[in-house]
Structure formats: structure tokens, C-alpha cells
PDB file of N, CA and C in Angstrom:
ATOM      1  N   MET A   1    -117.818  39.762 -12.554  1.00  0.00           N
ATOM      2  CA  MET A   1    -117.353  39.208 -13.796  1.00  0.00           C
ATOM      3  C   MET A   1    -115.867  38.840 -13.721  1.00  0.00           C
ATOM      4  N   ALA A   2    -115.109  39.671 -13.027  1.00  0.00           N
ATOM      5  CA  ALA A   2    -113.679  39.402 -12.904  1.00  0.00           C
ATOM      6  C   ALA A   2    -113.429  38.156 -12.067  1.00  0.00           C
ATOM      7  N   THR A   3    -114.335  37.862 -11.129  1.00  0.00           N
ATOM      8  CA  THR A   3    -114.153  36.669 -10.301  1.00  0.00           C
ATOM      9  C   THR A   3    -114.290  35.401 -11.125  1.00  0.00           C
ATOM     10  N   ALA A   4    -114.993  35.457 -12.238  1.00  0.00           N
ATOM     11  CA  ALA A   4    -115.130  34.287 -13.103  1.00  0.00           C
ATOM     12  C   ALA A   4    -113.778  33.904 -13.714  1.00  0.00           C
ATOM     13  N   PHE A   5    -112.879  34.855 -13.821  1.00  0.00           N
ATOM     14  CA  PHE A   5    -111.546  34.576 -14.355  1.00  0.00           C
ATOM     15  C   PHE A   5    -110.522  34.344 -13.248  1.00  0.00           C
ATOM     16  N   ILE A   6    -110.686  35.036 -12.140  1.00  0.00           N
ATOM     17  CA  ILE A   6    -109.700  34.974 -11.060  1.00  0.00           C
ATOM     18  C   ILE A   6    -109.754  33.642 -10.321  1.00  0.00           C
ATOM     19  N   ILE A   7    -110.935  33.171  -9.997  1.00  0.00           N
ATOM     20  CA  ILE A   7    -111.067  31.933  -9.216  1.00  0.00           C
ATOM     21  C   ILE A   7    -110.470  30.736  -9.959  1.00  0.00           C
ATOM     22  N   PRO A   8    -110.778  30.504 -11.243  1.00  0.00           N
ATOM     23  CA  PRO A   8    -110.133  29.368 -11.929  1.00  0.00           C
ATOM     24  C   PRO A   8    -108.610  29.507 -12.037  1.00  0.00           C
ATOM     25  N   ILE A   9    -108.136  30.735 -12.196  1.00  0.00           N
ATOM     26  CA  ILE A   9    -106.686  30.943 -12.262  1.00  0.00           C
ATOM     27  C   ILE A   9    -106.040  30.605 -10.925  1.00  0.00           C
ATOM     28  N   ILE A  10    -106.651  31.018  -9.835  1.00  0.00           N
ATOM     29  CA  ILE A  10    -106.124  30.706  -8.499  1.00  0.00           C
ATOM     30  C   ILE A  10    -106.159  29.205  -8.252  1.00  0.00           C
ATOM     31  N   LEU A  11    -107.246  28.535  -8.631  1.00  0.00           N
ATOM     32  CA  LEU A  11    -107.343  27.084  -8.448  1.00  0.00           C
ATOM     33  C   LEU A  11    -106.289  26.351  -9.290  1.00  0.00           C
ATOM     34  N   ALA A  12    -106.104  26.789 -10.525  1.00  0.00           N
ATOM     35  CA  ALA A  12    -105.100  26.153 -11.382  1.00  0.00           C
ATOM     36  C   ALA A  12    -103.691  26.384 -10.838  1.00  0.00           C
ATOM     37  N   ALA A  13    -103.432  27.582 -10.341  1.00  0.00           N
ATOM     38  CA  ALA A  13    -102.117  27.879  -9.767  1.00  0.00           C
ATOM     39  C   ALA A  13    -101.869  27.042  -8.518  1.00  0.00           C
ATOM     40  N   ALA A  14    -102.889  26.887  -7.673  1.00  0.00           N
ATOM     41  CA  ALA A  14    -102.742  26.080  -6.460  1.00  0.00           C
ATOM     42  C   ALA A  14    -102.504  24.616  -6.819  1.00  0.00           C
ATOM     43  N   ALA A  15    -103.236  24.104  -7.807  1.00  0.00           N
ATOM     44  CA  ALA A  15    -103.043  22.714  -8.228  1.00  0.00           C
ATOM     45  C   ALA A  15    -101.656  22.528  -8.837  1.00  0.00           C
ATOM     46  N   GLY A  16    -101.216  23.474  -9.631  1.00  0.00           N
ATOM     47  CA  GLY A  16     -99.885  23.388 -10.231  1.00  0.00           C
ATOM     48  C   GLY A  16     -98.786  23.436  -9.194  1.00  0.00           C
ATOM     49  N   LEU A  17     -98.919  24.326  -8.237  1.00  0.00           N
ATOM     50  CA  LEU A  17     -97.926  24.431  -7.172  1.00  0.00           C
ATOM     51  C   LEU A  17     -97.905  23.163  -6.324  1.00  0.00           C
ATOM     52  N   GLY A  18     -99.082  22.635  -6.016  1.00  0.00           N
ATOM     53  CA  GLY A  18     -99.149  21.389  -5.245  1.00  0.00           C
ATOM     54  C   GLY A  18     -98.507  20.232  -5.991  1.00  0.00           C
ATOM     55  N   GLY A  19     -98.766  20.147  -7.290  1.00  0.00           N
ATOM     56  CA  GLY A  19     -98.159  19.092  -8.100  1.00  0.00           C
ATOM     57  C   GLY A  19     -96.651  19.219  -8.168  1.00  0.00           C
ATOM     58  N   TYR A  20     -96.177  20.445  -8.319  1.00  0.00           N
ATOM     59  CA  TYR A  20     -94.728  20.665  -8.364  1.00  0.00           C
ATOM     60  C   TYR A  20     -94.076  20.276  -7.045  1.00  0.00           C
ATOM     61  N   LEU A  21     -94.663  20.695  -5.930  1.00  0.00           N
ATOM     62  CA  LEU A  21     -94.087  20.371  -4.621  1.00  0.00           C
ATOM     63  C   LEU A  21     -94.106  18.871  -4.365  1.00  0.00           C
ATOM     64  N   LEU A  22     -95.183  18.205  -4.775  1.00  0.00           N
ATOM     65  CA  LEU A  22     -95.258  16.753  -4.632  1.00  0.00           C
ATOM     66  C   LEU A  22     -94.148  16.086  -5.441  1.00  0.00           C
ATOM     67  N   TYR A  23     -93.955  16.538  -6.659  1.00  0.00           N
ATOM     68  CA  TYR A  23     -92.898  15.967  -7.494  1.00  0.00           C
ATOM     69  C   TYR A  23     -91.522  16.236  -6.896  1.00  0.00           C
ATOM     70  N   ARG A  24     -91.271  17.468  -6.523  1.00  0.00           N
ATOM     71  CA  ARG A  24     -89.937  17.875  -6.087  1.00  0.00           C
ATOM     72  C   ARG A  24     -89.509  17.202  -4.794  1.00  0.00           C
ATOM     73  N   TYR A  25     -90.425  17.056  -3.849  1.00  0.00           N
ATOM     74  CA  TYR A  25     -90.024  16.562  -2.530  1.00  0.00           C
ATOM     75  C   TYR A  25     -90.395  15.111  -2.263  1.00  0.00           C
ATOM     76  N   VAL A  26     -91.222  14.503  -3.095  1.00  0.00           N
ATOM     77  CA  VAL A  26     -91.601  13.111  -2.848  1.00  0.00           C
ATOM     78  C   VAL A  26     -91.200  12.223  -4.028  1.00  0.00           C
ATOM     79  N   ILE A  27     -91.715  12.508  -5.187  1.00  0.00           N
ATOM     80  CA  ILE A  27     -91.509  11.639  -6.339  1.00  0.00           C
ATOM     81  C   ILE A  27     -90.054  11.668  -6.799  1.00  0.00           C
ATOM     82  N   TYR A  28     -89.458  12.845  -6.899  1.00  0.00           N
ATOM     83  CA  TYR A  28     -88.070  12.964  -7.356  1.00  0.00           C
ATOM     84  C   TYR A  28     -87.124  12.224  -6.418  1.00  0.00           C
ATOM     85  N   ASP A  29     -87.334  12.365  -5.112  1.00  0.00           N
ATOM     86  CA  ASP A  29     -86.475  11.687  -4.147  1.00  0.00           C
ATOM     87  C   ASP A  29     -86.646  10.175  -4.241  1.00  0.00           C
ATOM     88  N   ALA A  30     -87.879   9.711  -4.432  1.00  0.00           N
ATOM     89  CA  ALA A  30     -88.114   8.272  -4.567  1.00  0.00           C
ATOM     90  C   ALA A  30     -87.449   7.723  -5.831  1.00  0.00           C
ATOM     91  N   MET A  31     -87.502   8.478  -6.917  1.00  0.00           N
ATOM     92  CA  MET A  31     -86.844   8.040  -8.156  1.00  0.00           C
ATOM     93  C   MET A  31     -85.330   8.003  -7.985  1.00  0.00           C
ATOM     94  N   CYS A  32     -84.774   8.994  -7.306  1.00  0.00           N
ATOM     95  CA  CYS A  32     -83.327   9.014  -7.059  1.00  0.00           C
ATOM     96  C   CYS A  32     -82.916   7.839  -6.183  1.00  0.00           C
ATOM     97  N   LYS A  33     -83.729   7.539  -5.175  1.00  0.00           N
ATOM     98  CA  LYS A  33     -83.413   6.442  -4.263  1.00  0.00           C
ATOM     99  C   LYS A  33     -83.434   5.103  -4.993  1.00  0.00           C
ATOM    100  N   SER A  34     -84.447   4.890  -5.831  1.00  0.00           N
ATOM    101  CA  SER A  34     -84.503   3.621  -6.563  1.00  0.00           C
ATOM    102  C   SER A  34     -83.366   3.524  -7.576  1.00  0.00           C
ATOM    103  N   SER A  35     -82.968   4.642  -8.151  1.00  0.00           N
ATOM    104  CA  SER A  35     -81.853   4.645  -9.096  1.00  0.00           C
ATOM    105  C   SER A  35     -80.552   4.258  -8.404  1.00  0.00           C
ATOM    106  N   VAL A  36     -80.306   4.821  -7.237  1.00  0.00           N
ATOM    107  CA  VAL A  36     -79.086   4.491  -6.486  1.00  0.00           C
ATOM    108  C   VAL A  36     -79.102   3.027  -6.072  1.00  0.00           C
ATOM    109  N   ASN A  37     -80.240   2.542  -5.589  1.00  0.00           N
ATOM    110  CA  ASN A  37     -80.330   1.135  -5.192  1.00  0.00           C
ATOM    111  C   ASN A  37     -80.119   0.210  -6.385  1.00  0.00           C
ATOM    112  N   ARG A  38     -80.634   0.589  -7.542  1.00  0.00           N
ATOM    113  CA  ARG A  38     -80.455  -0.207  -8.754  1.00  0.00           C
ATOM    114  C   ARG A  38     -78.974  -0.220  -9.167  1.00  0.00           C
ATOM    115  N   ILE A  39     -78.311   0.921  -9.065  1.00  0.00           N
ATOM    116  CA  ILE A  39     -76.884   0.990  -9.404  1.00  0.00           C
ATOM    117  C   ILE A  39     -76.071   0.109  -8.458  1.00  0.00           C
ATOM    118  N   LEU A  40     -76.352   0.203  -7.162  1.00  0.00           N
ATOM    119  CA  LEU A  40     -75.602  -0.601  -6.193  1.00  0.00           C
ATOM    120  C   LEU A  40     -75.838  -2.092  -6.413  1.00  0.00           C
ATOM    121  N   SER A  41     -77.077  -2.475  -6.692  1.00  0.00           N
ATOM    122  CA  SER A  41     -77.353  -3.896  -6.905  1.00  0.00           C
ATOM    123  C   SER A  41     -76.763  -4.394  -8.219  1.00  0.00           C
ATOM    124  N   SER A  42     -76.624  -3.525  -9.210  1.00  0.00           N
ATOM    125  CA  SER A  42     -76.022  -3.959 -10.476  1.00  0.00           C
ATOM    126  C   SER A  42     -74.534  -4.274 -10.302  1.00  0.00           C
ATOM    127  N   TYR A  43     -73.896  -3.684  -9.316  1.00  0.00           N
ATOM    128  CA  TYR A  43     -72.494  -3.972  -9.014  1.00  0.00           C
ATOM    129  C   TYR A  43     -72.351  -4.987  -7.879  1.00  0.00           C
ATOM    130  N   ASP A  44     -73.433  -5.655  -7.515  1.00  0.00           N
ATOM    131  CA  ASP A  44     -73.457  -6.657  -6.439  1.00  0.00           C
ATOM    132  C   ASP A  44     -72.957  -6.098  -5.115  1.00  0.00           C
ATOM    133  N   ILE A  45     -73.367  -4.884  -4.799  1.00  0.00           N
ATOM    134  CA  ILE A  45     -73.042  -4.260  -3.520  1.00  0.00           C
ATOM    135  C   ILE A  45     -74.249  -4.447  -2.614  1.00  0.00           C
ATOM    136  N   ASN A  46     -74.062  -5.161  -1.512  1.00  0.00           N
ATOM    137  CA  ASN A  46     -75.171  -5.490  -0.631  1.00  0.00           C
ATOM    138  C   ASN A  46     -75.362  -4.487   0.498  1.00  0.00           C
ATOM    139  N   LYS A  47     -74.627  -3.409   0.492  1.00  0.00           N
ATOM    140  CA  LYS A  47     -74.742  -2.406   1.548  1.00  0.00           C
ATOM    141  C   LYS A  47     -75.702  -1.307   1.115  1.00  0.00           C
ATOM    142  N   THR A  48     -76.339  -0.701   2.103  1.00  0.00           N
ATOM    143  CA  THR A  48     -77.209   0.432   1.811  1.00  0.00           C
ATOM    144  C   THR A  48     -76.355   1.692   1.678  1.00  0.00           C
ATOM    145  N   PRO A  49     -76.890   2.720   1.041  1.00  0.00           N
ATOM    146  CA  PRO A  49     -76.133   3.968   0.950  1.00  0.00           C
ATOM    147  C   PRO A  49     -75.750   4.530   2.323  1.00  0.00           C
ATOM    148  N   ALA A  50     -76.636   4.388   3.299  1.00  0.00           N
ATOM    149  CA  ALA A  50     -76.329   4.883   4.644  1.00  0.00           C
ATOM    150  C   ALA A  50     -75.156   4.118   5.256  1.00  0.00           C
ATOM    151  N   GLN A  51     -75.103   2.809   5.048  1.00  0.00           N
ATOM    152  CA  GLN A  51     -73.989   2.019   5.571  1.00  0.00           C
ATOM    153  C   GLN A  51     -72.674   2.420   4.911  1.00  0.00           C
ATOM    154  N   ILE A  52     -72.721   2.679   3.617  1.00  0.00           N
ATOM    155  CA  ILE A  52     -71.509   3.085   2.895  1.00  0.00           C
ATOM    156  C   ILE A  52     -70.998   4.415   3.431  1.00  0.00           C
ATOM    157  N   ILE A  53     -71.900   5.367   3.626  1.00  0.00           N
ATOM    158  CA  ILE A  53     -71.500   6.682   4.143  1.00  0.00           C
ATOM    159  C   ILE A  53     -70.921   6.552   5.543  1.00  0.00           C
ATOM    160  N   ARG A  54     -71.607   5.805   6.404  1.00  0.00           N
ATOM    161  CA  ARG A  54     -71.161   5.650   7.789  1.00  0.00           C
ATOM    162  C   ARG A  54     -69.783   5.003   7.841  1.00  0.00           C
ATOM    163  N   GLU A  55     -69.590   3.909   7.110  1.00  0.00           N
ATOM    164  CA  GLU A  55     -68.292   3.229   7.116  1.00  0.00           C
ATOM    165  C   GLU A  55     -67.198   4.101   6.507  1.00  0.00           C
ATOM    166  N   PHE A  56     -67.513   4.828   5.451  1.00  0.00           N
ATOM    167  CA  PHE A  56     -66.527   5.700   4.817  1.00  0.00           C
ATOM    168  C   PHE A  56     -66.023   6.741   5.804  1.00  0.00           C
ATOM    169  N   HIS A  57     -66.944   7.356   6.531  1.00  0.00           N
ATOM    170  CA  HIS A  57     -66.524   8.396   7.472  1.00  0.00           C
ATOM    171  C   HIS A  57     -65.786   7.812   8.673  1.00  0.00           C
ATOM    172  N   GLU A  58     -66.177   6.618   9.111  1.00  0.00           N
ATOM    173  CA  GLU A  58     -65.501   6.022  10.263  1.00  0.00           C
ATOM    174  C   GLU A  58     -64.126   5.470   9.890  1.00  0.00           C
ATOM    175  N   ILE A  59     -64.029   4.782   8.759  1.00  0.00           N
ATOM    176  CA  ILE A  59     -62.783   4.100   8.409  1.00  0.00           C
ATOM    177  C   ILE A  59     -61.816   5.016   7.665  1.00  0.00           C
ATOM    178  N   ILE A  60     -62.288   5.695   6.647  1.00  0.00           N
ATOM    179  CA  ILE A  60     -61.398   6.507   5.812  1.00  0.00           C
ATOM    180  C   ILE A  60     -61.085   7.844   6.475  1.00  0.00           C
ATOM    181  N   ARG A  61     -62.117   8.542   6.909  1.00  0.00           N
ATOM    182  CA  ARG A  61     -61.897   9.872   7.480  1.00  0.00           C
ATOM    183  C   ARG A  61     -61.603   9.836   8.976  1.00  0.00           C
ATOM    184  N   GLY A  62     -61.947   8.746   9.643  1.00  0.00           N
ATOM    185  CA  GLY A  62     -61.663   8.619  11.058  1.00  0.00           C
ATOM    186  C   GLY A  62     -62.558   9.448  11.954  1.00  0.00           C
ATOM    187  N   GLU A  63     -63.755   9.743  11.505  1.00  0.00           N
ATOM    188  CA  GLU A  63     -64.684  10.528  12.321  1.00  0.00           C
ATOM    189  C   GLU A  63     -66.031   9.826  12.386  1.00  0.00           C
ATOM    190  N   LYS A  64     -66.650   9.909  13.536  1.00  0.00           N
ATOM    191  CA  LYS A  64     -67.970   9.311  13.720  1.00  0.00           C
ATOM    192  C   LYS A  64     -69.007  10.409  13.515  1.00  0.00           C
ATOM    193  N   ILE A  65     -69.987  10.135  12.648  1.00  0.00           N
ATOM    194  CA  ILE A  65     -71.002  11.144  12.363  1.00  0.00           C
ATOM    195  C   ILE A  65     -72.356  10.653  12.851  1.00  0.00           C
ATOM    196  N   SER A  66     -73.242  11.595  13.134  1.00  0.00           N
ATOM    197  CA  SER A  66     -74.560  11.274  13.676  1.00  0.00           C
ATOM    198  C   SER A  66     -75.474  10.718  12.587  1.00  0.00           C
ATOM    199  N   GLU A  67     -76.562  10.090  13.029  1.00  0.00           N
ATOM    200  CA  GLU A  67     -77.544   9.546  12.091  1.00  0.00           C
ATOM    201  C   GLU A  67     -78.174  10.649  11.253  1.00  0.00           C
ATOM    202  N   GLN A  68     -78.408  11.801  11.865  1.00  0.00           N
ATOM    203  CA  GLN A  68     -78.986  12.925  11.123  1.00  0.00           C
ATOM    204  C   GLN A  68     -78.043  13.368  10.010  1.00  0.00           C
ATOM    205  N   LYS A  69     -76.766  13.426  10.299  1.00  0.00           N
ATOM    206  CA  LYS A  69     -75.777  13.814   9.290  1.00  0.00           C
ATOM    207  C   LYS A  69     -75.707  12.765   8.179  1.00  0.00           C
ATOM    208  N   VAL A  70     -75.815  11.484   8.549  1.00  0.00           N
ATOM    209  CA  VAL A  70     -75.814  10.412   7.552  1.00  0.00           C
ATOM    210  C   VAL A  70     -77.009  10.566   6.621  1.00  0.00           C
ATOM    211  N   ARG A  71     -78.191  10.819   7.188  1.00  0.00           N
ATOM    212  CA  ARG A  71     -79.393  11.001   6.361  1.00  0.00           C
ATOM    213  C   ARG A  71     -79.268  12.212   5.452  1.00  0.00           C
ATOM    214  N   THR A  72     -78.707  13.301   5.982  1.00  0.00           N
ATOM    215  CA  THR A  72     -78.533  14.513   5.180  1.00  0.00           C
ATOM    216  C   THR A  72     -77.561  14.266   4.029  1.00  0.00           C
ATOM    217  N   LEU A  73     -76.433  13.628   4.324  1.00  0.00           N
ATOM    218  CA  LEU A  73     -75.455  13.330   3.276  1.00  0.00           C
ATOM    219  C   LEU A  73     -76.019  12.355   2.247  1.00  0.00           C
ATOM    220  N   GLU A  74     -76.767  11.359   2.725  1.00  0.00           N
ATOM    221  CA  GLU A  74     -77.355  10.383   1.806  1.00  0.00           C
ATOM    222  C   GLU A  74     -78.306  11.059   0.826  1.00  0.00           C
ATOM    223  N   LYS A  75     -79.148  11.941   1.334  1.00  0.00           N
ATOM    224  CA  LYS A  75     -80.095  12.633   0.454  1.00  0.00           C
ATOM    225  C   LYS A  75     -79.359  13.549  -0.519  1.00  0.00           C
ATOM    226  N   MET A  76     -78.340  14.246  -0.039  1.00  0.00           N
ATOM    227  CA  MET A  76     -77.592  15.151  -0.903  1.00  0.00           C
ATOM    228  C   MET A  76     -76.880  14.377  -2.016  1.00  0.00           C
ATOM    229  N   TYR A  77     -76.174  13.294  -1.644  1.00  0.00           N
ATOM    230  CA  TYR A  77     -75.469  12.506  -2.648  1.00  0.00           C
ATOM    231  C   TYR A  77     -76.449  11.839  -3.608  1.00  0.00           C
ATOM    232  N   ARG A  78     -77.550  11.358  -3.058  1.00  0.00           N
ATOM    233  CA  ARG A  78     -78.534  10.654  -3.876  1.00  0.00           C
ATOM    234  C   ARG A  78     -79.108  11.561  -4.955  1.00  0.00           C
ATOM    235  N   GLN A  79     -79.347  12.829  -4.624  1.00  0.00           N
ATOM    236  CA  GLN A  79     -79.985  13.735  -5.569  1.00  0.00           C
ATOM    237  C   GLN A  79     -78.994  14.472  -6.459  1.00  0.00           C
ATOM    238  N   THR A  80     -77.781  14.706  -5.990  1.00  0.00           N
ATOM    239  CA  THR A  80     -76.854  15.513  -6.785  1.00  0.00           C
ATOM    240  C   THR A  80     -75.733  14.700  -7.428  1.00  0.00           C
ATOM    241  N   ASP A  81     -75.208  13.694  -6.732  1.00  0.00           N
ATOM    242  CA  ASP A  81     -74.067  12.939  -7.257  1.00  0.00           C
ATOM    243  C   ASP A  81     -74.164  11.474  -6.835  1.00  0.00           C
ATOM    244  N   PRO A  82     -75.021  10.685  -7.500  1.00  0.00           N
ATOM    245  CA  PRO A  82     -75.202   9.295  -7.086  1.00  0.00           C
ATOM    246  C   PRO A  82     -73.954   8.427  -7.256  1.00  0.00           C
ATOM    247  N   ASP A  83     -73.035   8.821  -8.133  1.00  0.00           N
ATOM    248  CA  ASP A  83     -71.806   8.041  -8.307  1.00  0.00           C
ATOM    249  C   ASP A  83     -70.883   8.137  -7.097  1.00  0.00           C
ATOM    250  N   GLN A  84     -71.151   9.069  -6.220  1.00  0.00           N
ATOM    251  CA  GLN A  84     -70.342   9.234  -5.011  1.00  0.00           C
ATOM    252  C   GLN A  84     -70.393   7.970  -4.150  1.00  0.00           C
ATOM    253  N   PHE A  85     -71.526   7.252  -4.168  1.00  0.00           N
ATOM    254  CA  PHE A  85     -71.628   6.016  -3.388  1.00  0.00           C
ATOM    255  C   PHE A  85     -70.645   4.968  -3.901  1.00  0.00           C
ATOM    256  N   LEU A  86     -70.509   4.875  -5.214  1.00  0.00           N
ATOM    257  CA  LEU A  86     -69.554   3.918  -5.783  1.00  0.00           C
ATOM    258  C   LEU A  86     -68.119   4.314  -5.458  1.00  0.00           C
ATOM    259  N   GLU A  87     -67.831   5.603  -5.488  1.00  0.00           N
ATOM    260  CA  GLU A  87     -66.486   6.070  -5.160  1.00  0.00           C
ATOM    261  C   GLU A  87     -66.147   5.776  -3.701  1.00  0.00           C
ATOM    262  N   MET A  88     -67.106   6.005  -2.799  1.00  0.00           N
ATOM    263  CA  MET A  88     -66.864   5.715  -1.383  1.00  0.00           C
ATOM    264  C   MET A  88     -66.694   4.220  -1.172  1.00  0.00           C
ATOM    265  N   TYR A  89     -67.510   3.409  -1.856  1.00  0.00           N
ATOM    266  CA  TYR A  89     -67.401   1.964  -1.716  1.00  0.00           C
ATOM    267  C   TYR A  89     -66.047   1.472  -2.230  1.00  0.00           C
ATOM    268  N   ASP A  90     -65.591   2.027  -3.354  1.00  0.00           N
ATOM    269  CA  ASP A  90     -64.272   1.652  -3.883  1.00  0.00           C
ATOM    270  C   ASP A  90     -63.156   2.021  -2.913  1.00  0.00           C
ATOM    271  N   ALA A  91     -63.266   3.184  -2.284  1.00  0.00           N
ATOM    272  CA  ALA A  91     -62.255   3.593  -1.302  1.00  0.00           C
ATOM    273  C   ALA A  91     -62.250   2.642  -0.111  1.00  0.00           C
ATOM    274  N   LEU A  92     -63.430   2.220   0.329  1.00  0.00           N
ATOM    275  CA  LEU A  92     -63.509   1.259   1.436  1.00  0.00           C
ATOM    276  C   LEU A  92     -62.916  -0.088   1.030  1.00  0.00           C
ATOM    277  N   ARG A  93     -63.236  -0.534  -0.168  1.00  0.00           N
ATOM    278  CA  ARG A  93     -62.734  -1.822  -0.640  1.00  0.00           C
ATOM    279  C   ARG A  93     -61.217  -1.793  -0.787  1.00  0.00           C
ATOM    280  N   GLU A  94     -60.678  -0.694  -1.292  1.00  0.00           N
ATOM    281  CA  GLU A  94     -59.223  -0.568  -1.410  1.00  0.00           C
ATOM    282  C   GLU A  94     -58.554  -0.556  -0.044  1.00  0.00           C
ATOM    283  N   ARG A  95     -59.189   0.088   0.923  1.00  0.00           N
ATOM    284  CA  ARG A  95     -58.635   0.130   2.279  1.00  0.00           C
ATOM    285  C   ARG A  95     -58.617  -1.271   2.877  1.00  0.00           C
ATOM    286  N   HIS A  96     -59.683  -2.068   2.627  1.00  0.00           N
ATOM    287  CA  HIS A  96     -59.730  -3.429   3.165  1.00  0.00           C
ATOM    288  C   HIS A  96     -58.709  -4.341   2.486  1.00  0.00           C
ATOM    289  N   THR A  97     -58.456  -4.140   1.203  1.00  0.00           N
ATOM    290  CA  THR A  97     -57.476  -4.994   0.520  1.00  0.00           C
ATOM    291  C   THR A  97     -56.047  -4.611   0.879  1.00  0.00           C
ATOM    292  N   ASP A  98     -55.824  -3.349   1.260  1.00  0.00           N
ATOM    293  CA  ASP A  98     -54.482  -2.921   1.660  1.00  0.00           C
ATOM    294  C   ASP A  98     -54.083  -3.500   3.009  1.00  0.00           C
ATOM    295  N   ASN A  99     -55.059  -3.732   3.867  1.00  0.00           N
ATOM    296  CA  ASN A  99     -54.751  -4.240   5.219  1.00  0.00           C
ATOM    297  C   ASN A  99     -54.514  -5.701   5.222  1.00  0.00           C
TER     298      ASN A  99
END
């Protein structure tokens, strides 16, 4: 008799956990990525977030970073602070106008 209650609870918990993980690691990241791309295109910026990060670190900070580090930084900025891309782009643009 107890299994009649336990099995549906376990199935519902598994479905809920699966849905949460799908949202957290796939859907949320896709929404953040489209939001950042929409913001960049609204300001007529034709560079990708990865290009902005790479150029910022090479030109402003003077350090070359690996592709893995670029992907990690892109995901972190995309999910936590999407305005960081605009700030980096502005710093690059100011550096180009100063030269």
C-alpha cells in the first residue's frame, strides 16, 4: 500500500529535478545568450561576446588568454553581468580613438 504513494512521489521528484536541470543548464543559458546578442545588436556592435573578451584581454590588459578561458568568462559574464560586454567594448573603442 505504501508503494502506491512512494512510486508516484519518486516519479514526480525525478521529473521535477530533470526539468529544473534542463532549465538551469540549457534553457537559462540560451536565454542569456540571446539577450546579450540582442543587446549588442541594438547598439550596432558586430562583434561576438567572445571576440570582445579576447580583444579586451589582449589590448587593454596585455595578456593572451586561452579559448577555454574565453568560453568560461563569456558564460560567467553572460549569466551574471551582461552589461560587462558593453563596458569592455567601450574600453576598446576608447583605446582605439586615443591612438
